Amino acid sequence: MDIEEHKTITLRTLLDHSVIESFGDGGRTCITARVYPEHVSKSSSHTYVFNNGSSTVKVSKLEAWDLATAAVA
């Protein structure tokens, strides 16, 4: 996706224990990673939004939800 052309992006990120999946531009781009944070089993875990680029980025909307534990029948 050409950010210079569109000037905006969408990003949906899902965190599930040790797996992080990010879907950009409505799912056209996907990045999946496995991570092992120290505090995954404690309530002190946090998610951060940051920019490693050289330009300012404005986050116009940020939402987060806690997911319930899956029920296996």
C-alpha atoms as a PDB file:
ATOM      1  CA  MET A   1       0.000   0.000   0.000  1.00  0.00           C
ATOM      2  CA  ASP A   2       1.330   3.423  -0.937  1.00  0.00           C
ATOM      3  CA  ILE A   3       0.936   5.579   2.174  1.00  0.00           C
ATOM      4  CA  GLU A   4       2.134   8.681   0.298  1.00  0.00           C
ATOM      5  CA  GLU A   5      -0.749   8.253  -2.169  1.00  0.00           C
ATOM      6  CA  HIS A   6      -3.542   7.403   0.295  1.00  0.00           C
ATOM      7  CA  LYS A   7      -2.332   9.392   3.355  1.00  0.00           C
ATOM      8  CA  THR A   8      -4.184   6.985   5.623  1.00  0.00           C
ATOM      9  CA  ILE A   9      -4.075   3.314   6.598  1.00  0.00           C
ATOM     10  CA  THR A  10      -6.234   0.935   8.588  1.00  0.00           C
ATOM     11  CA  LEU A  11      -4.722  -1.626  10.915  1.00  0.00           C
ATOM     12  CA  ARG A  12      -6.413  -4.363  12.943  1.00  0.00           C
ATOM     13  CA  THR A  13      -4.198  -6.191  15.437  1.00  0.00           C
ATOM     14  CA  LEU A  14      -5.199  -9.345  17.325  1.00  0.00           C
ATOM     15  CA  LEU A  15      -3.284 -10.615  20.358  1.00  0.00           C
ATOM     16  CA  ASP A  16      -3.870 -14.152  21.589  1.00  0.00           C
ATOM     17  CA  HIS A  17      -1.418 -15.297  24.251  1.00  0.00           C
ATOM     18  CA  SER A  18       1.855 -15.560  22.296  1.00  0.00           C
ATOM     19  CA  VAL A  19       0.542 -14.773  18.788  1.00  0.00           C
ATOM     20  CA  ILE A  20       0.172 -11.272  17.341  1.00  0.00           C
ATOM     21  CA  GLU A  21      -1.483 -10.787  13.952  1.00  0.00           C
ATOM     22  CA  SER A  22      -1.791  -7.412  12.240  1.00  0.00           C
ATOM     23  CA  PHE A  23      -3.962  -6.883   9.169  1.00  0.00           C
ATOM     24  CA  GLY A  24      -3.441  -3.717   7.142  1.00  0.00           C
ATOM     25  CA  ASP A  25      -5.586  -2.113   4.468  1.00  0.00           C
ATOM     26  CA  GLY A  26      -8.628  -4.315   5.078  1.00  0.00           C
ATOM     27  CA  GLY A  27      -6.614  -7.552   5.198  1.00  0.00           C
ATOM     28  CA  ARG A  28      -4.568  -6.993   2.024  1.00  0.00           C
ATOM     29  CA  THR A  29      -1.397  -7.047   4.111  1.00  0.00           C
ATOM     30  CA  CYS A  30      -0.828  -9.405   7.048  1.00  0.00           C
ATOM     31  CA  ILE A  31       2.002  -9.801   9.548  1.00  0.00           C
ATOM     32  CA  THR A  32       2.037 -12.643  12.085  1.00  0.00           C
ATOM     33  CA  ALA A  33       4.549 -13.009  14.906  1.00  0.00           C
ATOM     34  CA  ARG A  34       4.969 -15.206  17.953  1.00  0.00           C
ATOM     35  CA  VAL A  35       6.201 -13.444  21.078  1.00  0.00           C
ATOM     36  CA  TYR A  36       6.804 -14.524  24.650  1.00  0.00           C
ATOM     37  CA  PRO A  37       6.344 -11.493  26.924  1.00  0.00           C
ATOM     38  CA  GLU A  38       7.379 -11.744  30.572  1.00  0.00           C
ATOM     39  CA  HIS A  39       4.024 -10.701  31.990  1.00  0.00           C
ATOM     40  CA  VAL A  40       1.651 -12.625  29.729  1.00  0.00           C
ATOM     41  CA  SER A  41       0.050 -14.484  32.638  1.00  0.00           C
ATOM     42  CA  LYS A  42      -0.220 -11.396  34.852  1.00  0.00           C
ATOM     43  CA  SER A  43      -2.600  -8.460  34.713  1.00  0.00           C
ATOM     44  CA  SER A  44       0.299  -6.005  34.270  1.00  0.00           C
ATOM     45  CA  SER A  45       0.653  -6.674  30.513  1.00  0.00           C
ATOM     46  CA  HIS A  46       0.112  -3.689  28.196  1.00  0.00           C
ATOM     47  CA  THR A  47      -0.166  -2.973  24.484  1.00  0.00           C
ATOM     48  CA  TYR A  48       1.536   0.124  23.044  1.00  0.00           C
ATOM     49  CA  VAL A  49       1.194   1.991  19.764  1.00  0.00           C
ATOM     50  CA  PHE A  50       4.425   3.492  18.439  1.00  0.00           C
ATOM     51  CA  ASN A  51       5.931   4.872  15.249  1.00  0.00           C
ATOM     52  CA  ASN A  52       9.439   3.973  14.066  1.00  0.00           C
ATOM     53  CA  GLY A  53       9.204   6.276  11.047  1.00  0.00           C
ATOM     54  CA  SER A  54      10.512   9.780  10.492  1.00  0.00           C
ATOM     55  CA  SER A  55       7.109  11.468  10.039  1.00  0.00           C
ATOM     56  CA  THR A  56       4.374  12.267  12.531  1.00  0.00           C
ATOM     57  CA  VAL A  57       1.469   9.803  12.600  1.00  0.00           C
ATOM     58  CA  LYS A  58      -1.988  10.706  13.869  1.00  0.00           C
ATOM     59  CA  VAL A  59      -4.042   7.846  15.357  1.00  0.00           C
ATOM     60  CA  SER A  60      -7.624   8.914  14.705  1.00  0.00           C
ATOM     61  CA  LYS A  61      -9.299   5.892  16.326  1.00  0.00           C
ATOM     62  CA  LEU A  62      -8.028   3.239  18.722  1.00  0.00           C
ATOM     63  CA  GLU A  63     -10.267   0.586  20.274  1.00  0.00           C
ATOM     64  CA  ALA A  64      -9.469  -2.421  22.453  1.00  0.00           C
ATOM     65  CA  TRP A  65     -11.572  -5.315  23.736  1.00  0.00           C
ATOM     66  CA  ASP A  66     -10.959  -8.174  26.134  1.00  0.00           C
ATOM     67  CA  LEU A  67     -11.984 -11.487  24.641  1.00  0.00           C
ATOM     68  CA  ALA A  68     -13.697 -14.170  26.664  1.00  0.00           C
ATOM     69  CA  THR A  69     -12.146 -17.596  27.109  1.00  0.00           C
ATOM     70  CA  ALA A  70     -13.284 -20.074  24.464  1.00  0.00           C
ATOM     71  CA  ALA A  71     -15.731 -22.697  25.630  1.00  0.00           C
ATOM     72  CA  VAL A  72     -14.938 -26.164  24.271  1.00  0.00           C
ATOM     73  CA  ALA A  73     -17.824 -28.596  24.354  1.00  0.00           C
END
